[in-house]
């Protein structure tokens, strides 16, 4: 088996799940070449990026058609093409597949299928031509199937390299933590408004909404292992996700899985696929309800036994090594 991965850009600091997946294939001894359509826009990267040994080729500037032609000439011997996100990378994967007769698959997440700029017919056509599509939640599965009822779609939750994320028992420090890009769909403005004054609020991440988060302790982007250390310290991890005005939304935030893996109490919103993971839920964009729930969970945290059950659920459903074995078995 020789895989080709086509990505919009690699590496991307926030797309930790892509890096985990690539390293899982590498650990299993799978042959792969990575093609990136663009150079990374990030100035900082994850601290284990250097473990990647696969060749990474960056396409020349040009149209998506031209990039596909360039890749098609360089994937001889490949047996399968996979792309992440249903937008430009999958457009190119589809074109390369048509030029080479190498089958392709893709993973669909959130913005790439729900944003107001997504053309439903274009996405339906990609679903029809792909060997199959992976997506991260039943919520997404139902929506994608509504676009193309004949498509082969499978749910594969976002994976974690669990050896990097050990369980840390209670007790914890009495502060509230948010982790994620500072963009509207993360809902951090609601969290700043909702967080009771007696609990310090720390937010890890960066983005255009930073100026709206006055009153929180903002730490900017941190390497994933450093951010995980914060997750293991906090008494409560809050994910106040919502659907943004432009339709953008989360699939399953990776930090949700990380929090459950750590044994950290997690409070989230009843939106997209999050209820498939988390039982402690409030409605999105409701600071009063969120504030009440924060107070309740800080005063009466989940039991250690229930947190262990959360860890076991992640081990069963989100172990990236097992997931990539399952993925390769379908090819």
Protein backbone atom coordinates (compact mmCIF):
# COMPACT_ATOMS: atom_id res chain seq x y z
CA UNK A 1 0.00 0.00 0.00
CA UNK A 2 1.24 3.45 -0.91
CA UNK A 3 -0.85 6.42 0.16
CA UNK A 4 -0.94 9.96 -1.17
CA UNK A 5 -2.23 12.63 1.20
CA UNK A 6 -3.37 15.92 -0.33
CA UNK A 7 -3.74 18.82 2.11
CA UNK A 8 -4.50 22.51 1.66
CA UNK A 9 -1.47 23.30 3.78
CA UNK A 10 0.90 21.33 5.92
CA UNK A 11 1.77 21.75 8.68
CA UNK A 12 -1.13 23.70 10.21
CA UNK A 13 -0.75 24.28 13.94
CA UNK A 14 -4.47 23.96 14.72
CA UNK A 15 -4.94 20.77 12.67
CA UNK A 16 -3.36 18.48 15.24
CA UNK A 17 -5.65 15.62 14.18
CA UNK A 18 -4.06 15.54 10.72
CA UNK A 19 -0.59 15.30 12.23
CA UNK A 20 -1.73 12.51 14.59
CA UNK A 21 -3.16 10.58 11.65
CA UNK A 22 -0.01 10.92 9.55
CA UNK A 23 2.17 9.74 12.44
CA UNK A 24 -0.14 6.76 13.02
CA UNK A 25 0.38 5.65 9.42
CA UNK A 26 4.12 6.19 9.80
CA UNK A 27 4.22 4.08 12.99
CA UNK A 28 2.46 1.28 11.10
CA UNK A 29 5.10 1.36 8.35
CA UNK A 30 2.78 2.63 5.63
CA UNK A 31 4.38 4.27 2.59
CA UNK A 32 3.12 7.81 1.99
CA UNK A 33 3.82 11.05 0.17
CA UNK A 34 2.26 14.29 1.38
CA UNK A 35 1.32 17.00 -1.12
CA UNK A 36 0.51 20.45 0.25
CA UNK A 37 -1.23 22.98 -1.97
CA UNK A 38 0.13 25.92 0.05
CA UNK A 39 2.92 26.61 2.47
CA UNK A 40 1.83 26.83 6.08
CA UNK A 41 0.62 30.28 7.19
CA UNK A 42 1.76 29.59 10.76
CA UNK A 43 4.96 30.87 12.33
CA UNK A 44 4.83 28.29 15.16
CA UNK A 45 4.11 24.58 14.95
CA UNK A 46 3.38 21.58 17.14
CA UNK A 47 6.36 20.34 19.12
CA UNK A 48 6.31 16.83 17.64
CA UNK A 49 6.11 17.87 13.98
CA UNK A 50 9.77 16.89 13.60
CA UNK A 51 8.77 13.23 13.99
CA UNK A 52 7.28 13.19 10.47
CA UNK A 53 9.61 11.32 8.11
CA UNK A 54 7.43 11.31 5.02
CA UNK A 55 8.40 13.41 2.00
CA UNK A 56 6.38 16.63 1.75
CA UNK A 57 6.01 18.25 -1.66
CA UNK A 58 4.58 21.74 -2.14
CA UNK A 59 2.77 22.40 -5.38
CA UNK A 60 3.77 25.40 -7.52
CA UNK A 61 1.48 28.40 -7.65
CA UNK A 62 -1.41 28.00 -10.05
CA UNK A 63 -5.03 26.94 -10.36
CA UNK A 64 -6.38 23.84 -8.66
CA UNK A 65 -6.45 22.15 -12.06
CA UNK A 66 -2.76 22.96 -12.56
CA UNK A 67 -1.89 21.73 -9.08
CA UNK A 68 -3.75 18.48 -9.76
CA UNK A 69 -1.85 17.99 -13.01
CA UNK A 70 1.45 18.56 -11.16
CA UNK A 71 0.57 16.02 -8.45
CA UNK A 72 -0.71 13.46 -10.97
CA UNK A 73 2.74 13.36 -12.57
CA UNK A 74 4.32 12.61 -9.19
CA UNK A 75 2.18 9.91 -7.60
CA UNK A 76 3.29 6.92 -9.62
CA UNK A 77 2.95 3.69 -7.69
CA UNK A 78 0.36 5.15 -5.33
CA UNK A 79 -2.61 2.92 -4.54
CA UNK A 80 -4.87 5.41 -2.82
CA UNK A 81 -5.40 9.17 -2.42
CA UNK A 82 -6.83 10.77 0.72
CA UNK A 83 -7.55 14.40 1.52
CA UNK A 84 -8.67 16.32 4.58
CA UNK A 85 -11.53 18.83 4.41
CA UNK A 86 -14.04 18.76 1.58
CA UNK A 87 -12.90 22.03 -0.04
CA UNK A 88 -9.83 22.75 -2.20
CA UNK A 89 -7.75 19.73 -1.13
CA UNK A 90 -10.59 17.36 -2.01
CA UNK A 91 -11.22 19.16 -5.30
CA UNK A 92 -7.60 18.47 -6.19
CA UNK A 93 -7.76 14.86 -4.92
CA UNK A 94 -10.83 14.31 -7.10
CA UNK A 95 -9.05 15.75 -10.14
CA UNK A 96 -5.91 13.69 -9.54
CA UNK A 97 -8.06 10.58 -9.22
CA UNK A 98 -9.75 11.31 -12.53
CA UNK A 99 -6.35 11.81 -14.21
CA UNK A 100 -4.69 8.69 -12.75
CA UNK A 101 -7.55 6.26 -11.99
CA UNK A 102 -6.25 6.05 -8.40
CA UNK A 103 -9.27 5.96 -6.07
CA UNK A 104 -9.71 8.77 -3.56
CA UNK A 105 -11.41 9.33 -0.23
CA UNK A 106 -11.74 12.39 1.98
CA UNK A 107 -12.55 13.40 5.53
CA UNK A 108 -15.26 16.05 6.02
CA UNK A 109 -15.35 18.13 9.18
CA UNK A 110 -17.43 21.30 9.63
CA UNK A 111 -16.65 24.58 7.88
CA UNK A 112 -15.94 22.62 4.71
CA UNK A 113 -19.51 21.32 4.61
CA UNK A 114 -21.63 23.89 6.49
CA UNK A 115 -20.19 27.32 5.61
CA UNK A 116 -22.47 29.53 3.53
CA UNK A 117 -19.96 29.51 0.64
CA UNK A 118 -20.12 25.71 0.23
CA UNK A 119 -21.96 24.66 -2.93
CA UNK A 120 -24.20 21.74 -2.01
CA UNK A 121 -24.20 20.24 -5.50
CA UNK A 122 -20.41 20.37 -5.72
CA UNK A 123 -20.13 18.57 -2.39
CA UNK A 124 -22.74 16.01 -3.45
CA UNK A 125 -20.75 15.32 -6.62
CA UNK A 126 -17.54 14.78 -4.64
CA UNK A 127 -19.40 12.37 -2.37
CA UNK A 128 -20.56 10.46 -5.42
CA UNK A 129 -17.13 10.14 -7.02
CA UNK A 130 -15.18 9.30 -3.84
CA UNK A 131 -14.69 5.68 -2.89
CA UNK A 132 -16.05 6.75 0.48
CA UNK A 133 -16.16 9.78 2.74
CA UNK A 134 -15.17 9.80 6.40
CA UNK A 135 -16.76 12.28 8.77
CA UNK A 136 -16.44 12.95 12.48
CA UNK A 137 -20.00 12.66 13.82
CA UNK A 138 -23.45 11.21 13.23
CA UNK A 139 -24.66 14.80 12.94
CA UNK A 140 -22.41 15.29 9.90
CA UNK A 141 -23.26 11.84 8.54
CA UNK A 142 -26.98 12.62 8.40
CA UNK A 143 -26.38 15.95 6.69
CA UNK A 144 -23.99 14.52 4.08
CA UNK A 145 -26.36 11.65 3.34
CA UNK A 146 -29.11 14.21 2.72
CA UNK A 147 -26.95 15.65 -0.06
CA UNK A 148 -26.24 12.33 -1.74
CA UNK A 149 -28.21 9.33 -0.54
CA UNK A 150 -26.12 6.97 -2.70
CA UNK A 151 -22.77 8.03 -1.24
CA UNK A 152 -20.67 5.76 0.95
CA UNK A 153 -20.15 7.71 4.20
CA UNK A 154 -18.60 6.41 7.41
CA UNK A 155 -18.27 8.00 10.84
CA UNK A 156 -14.73 8.04 12.22
CA UNK A 157 -14.30 10.32 15.22
CA UNK A 158 -11.26 12.58 15.32
CA UNK A 159 -8.39 10.48 16.69
CA UNK A 160 -5.82 11.04 19.42
CA UNK A 161 -2.37 9.57 19.91
CA UNK A 162 -3.39 8.48 23.39
CA UNK A 163 0.13 7.78 24.63
CA UNK A 164 0.66 11.55 24.60
CA UNK A 165 -2.46 12.19 26.70
CA UNK A 166 -2.42 10.36 30.05
CA UNK A 167 -5.26 10.38 32.55
CA UNK A 168 -4.76 12.79 35.46
CA UNK A 169 -6.94 12.19 38.55
CA UNK A 170 -8.69 14.91 40.54
CA UNK A 171 -8.41 17.20 42.48
CA UNK A 172 -7.71 20.18 40.22
CA UNK A 173 -7.00 23.89 40.51
CA UNK A 174 -10.13 26.03 40.76
CA UNK A 175 -10.01 27.93 37.50
CA UNK A 176 -12.00 27.68 34.26
CA UNK A 177 -10.25 26.93 30.97
CA UNK A 178 -11.14 27.44 27.32
CA UNK A 179 -8.95 26.15 24.47
CA UNK A 180 -9.39 26.86 20.77
CA UNK A 181 -9.00 29.36 17.97
CA UNK A 182 -10.47 32.74 18.82
CA UNK A 183 -13.14 32.73 16.12
CA UNK A 184 -16.94 33.20 16.41
CA UNK A 185 -17.89 29.49 16.29
CA UNK A 186 -15.90 28.79 19.47
CA UNK A 187 -18.24 31.03 21.49
CA UNK A 188 -15.59 32.40 23.82
CA UNK A 189 -17.29 35.81 24.04
CA UNK A 190 -20.21 34.03 25.78
CA UNK A 191 -17.78 32.32 28.13
CA UNK A 192 -16.15 35.62 29.15
CA UNK A 193 -19.61 37.03 29.86
CA UNK A 194 -20.74 33.92 31.73
CA UNK A 195 -17.77 32.93 33.88
CA UNK A 196 -18.47 33.69 37.58
CA UNK A 197 -16.03 36.28 38.94
CA UNK A 198 -14.72 34.01 41.69
CA UNK A 199 -13.23 31.58 39.15
CA UNK A 200 -10.27 32.86 37.08
CA UNK A 201 -10.80 32.30 33.36
CA UNK A 202 -7.86 31.26 31.18
CA UNK A 203 -8.12 30.92 27.39
CA UNK A 204 -5.47 29.27 25.21
CA UNK A 205 -5.56 30.13 21.53
CA UNK A 206 -5.31 33.02 19.13
CA UNK A 207 -7.40 34.58 16.42
CA UNK A 208 -9.42 37.59 15.27
CA UNK A 209 -11.81 37.59 18.26
CA UNK A 210 -9.02 38.24 20.77
CA UNK A 211 -10.08 41.86 21.26
CA UNK A 212 -13.55 40.75 22.38
CA UNK A 213 -12.28 38.72 25.31
CA UNK A 214 -11.42 41.45 27.80
CA UNK A 215 -11.36 40.07 31.33
CA UNK A 216 -9.95 36.65 30.49
CA UNK A 217 -6.34 35.62 30.94
CA UNK A 218 -5.28 35.12 27.33
CA UNK A 219 -2.27 32.89 26.67
CA UNK A 220 -2.19 32.89 22.87
CA UNK A 221 -1.16 29.81 20.94
CA UNK A 222 0.63 27.18 23.02
CA UNK A 223 2.18 23.91 21.82
CA UNK A 224 -0.24 21.05 22.25
CA UNK A 225 1.61 19.32 25.09
CA UNK A 226 1.81 22.61 27.00
CA UNK A 227 -1.91 23.19 26.44
CA UNK A 228 -2.60 19.66 27.65
CA UNK A 229 -0.76 20.39 30.87
CA UNK A 230 -3.24 23.23 31.43
CA UNK A 231 -6.13 20.85 30.67
CA UNK A 232 -4.79 18.49 33.31
CA UNK A 233 -4.66 21.31 35.90
CA UNK A 234 -8.07 22.91 35.48
CA UNK A 235 -11.17 22.05 37.48
CA UNK A 236 -13.38 22.70 34.43
CA UNK A 237 -12.83 22.79 30.68
CA UNK A 238 -15.57 24.74 28.90
CA UNK A 239 -16.40 24.51 25.18
CA UNK A 240 -19.10 27.14 24.49
CA UNK A 241 -19.31 26.32 20.77
CA UNK A 242 -22.05 27.80 18.58
CA UNK A 243 -23.08 28.14 14.96
CA UNK A 244 -21.56 31.33 13.54
CA UNK A 245 -23.61 33.77 11.44
CA UNK A 246 -21.90 32.52 8.27
CA UNK A 247 -22.85 28.91 9.03
CA UNK A 248 -19.41 27.91 10.28
CA UNK A 249 -19.41 25.48 13.19
CA UNK A 250 -17.27 22.85 14.83
CA UNK A 251 -17.38 19.19 13.94
CA UNK A 252 -16.08 17.60 17.12
CA UNK A 253 -13.52 19.90 18.78
CA UNK A 254 -10.33 17.92 19.34
CA UNK A 255 -9.93 19.53 22.76
CA UNK A 256 -13.16 17.82 23.84
CA UNK A 257 -11.49 14.43 23.34
CA UNK A 258 -8.33 15.67 25.03
CA UNK A 259 -10.29 16.84 28.06
CA UNK A 260 -12.08 13.51 28.37
CA UNK A 261 -8.79 11.64 27.94
CA UNK A 262 -7.28 13.68 30.77
CA UNK A 263 -10.17 13.02 33.13
CA UNK A 264 -10.98 16.72 33.21
CA UNK A 265 -14.62 17.72 33.85
CA UNK A 266 -15.99 19.13 30.58
CA UNK A 267 -18.93 21.46 30.02
CA UNK A 268 -20.03 22.08 26.43
CA UNK A 269 -22.96 23.21 24.32
CA UNK A 270 -25.75 21.26 22.71
CA UNK A 271 -24.65 21.88 19.14
CA UNK A 272 -23.50 19.79 16.13
CA UNK A 273 -21.94 16.44 17.13
CA UNK A 274 -20.87 17.44 20.64
CA UNK A 275 -23.78 15.62 22.40
CA UNK A 276 -22.40 12.37 20.91
CA UNK A 277 -19.43 12.78 23.28
CA UNK A 278 -20.46 14.90 26.24
CA UNK A 279 -23.35 14.73 28.73
CA UNK A 280 -22.77 18.06 30.52
CA UNK A 281 -24.50 20.38 28.06
CA UNK A 282 -26.09 23.82 27.87
CA UNK A 283 -27.67 25.71 24.99
CA UNK A 284 -25.29 27.80 22.83
CA UNK A 285 -25.24 31.61 23.11
CA UNK A 286 -26.89 31.57 26.55
CA UNK A 287 -24.46 33.17 29.05
CA UNK A 288 -26.93 32.96 31.95
CA UNK A 289 -27.43 29.22 31.53
CA UNK A 290 -23.70 28.72 31.00
CA UNK A 291 -22.86 30.70 34.14
CA UNK A 292 -25.24 28.61 36.23
CA UNK A 293 -23.79 25.37 34.85
CA UNK A 294 -20.22 26.50 35.55
CA UNK A 295 -21.16 27.26 39.15
CA UNK A 296 -22.86 23.90 39.53
CA UNK A 297 -19.95 21.91 38.12
CA UNK A 298 -17.37 23.80 40.16
CA UNK A 299 -19.35 23.11 43.33
CA UNK A 300 -20.30 19.51 42.49
CA UNK A 301 -17.76 18.05 40.04
CA UNK A 302 -18.31 14.69 38.34
CA UNK A 303 -17.17 11.60 40.21
CA UNK A 304 -13.78 10.07 39.53
CA UNK A 305 -15.56 6.94 38.31
CA UNK A 306 -17.55 8.88 35.69
CA UNK A 307 -14.38 10.59 34.50
CA UNK A 308 -12.67 7.21 34.11
CA UNK A 309 -15.63 6.06 32.01
CA UNK A 310 -15.07 9.10 29.78
CA UNK A 311 -11.43 8.13 29.34
CA UNK A 312 -12.43 4.57 28.46
CA UNK A 313 -14.90 5.89 25.88
CA UNK A 314 -12.13 7.89 24.23
CA UNK A 315 -9.83 4.86 24.24
CA UNK A 316 -12.54 2.84 22.49
CA UNK A 317 -13.66 5.41 19.92
CA UNK A 318 -10.78 7.86 19.39
CA UNK A 319 -7.52 5.87 19.44
CA UNK A 320 -5.88 7.11 16.24
CA UNK A 321 -3.80 3.95 15.77
CA UNK A 322 -6.93 1.75 15.81
CA UNK A 323 -8.77 4.22 13.61
CA UNK A 324 -6.10 4.19 10.91
CA UNK A 325 -6.03 0.40 10.97
CA UNK A 326 -9.78 0.51 10.35
CA UNK A 327 -9.33 3.13 7.60
CA UNK A 328 -6.68 1.10 5.79
CA UNK A 329 -8.82 -2.06 6.02
CA UNK A 330 -11.42 -0.31 3.86
CA UNK A 331 -9.02 0.45 1.01
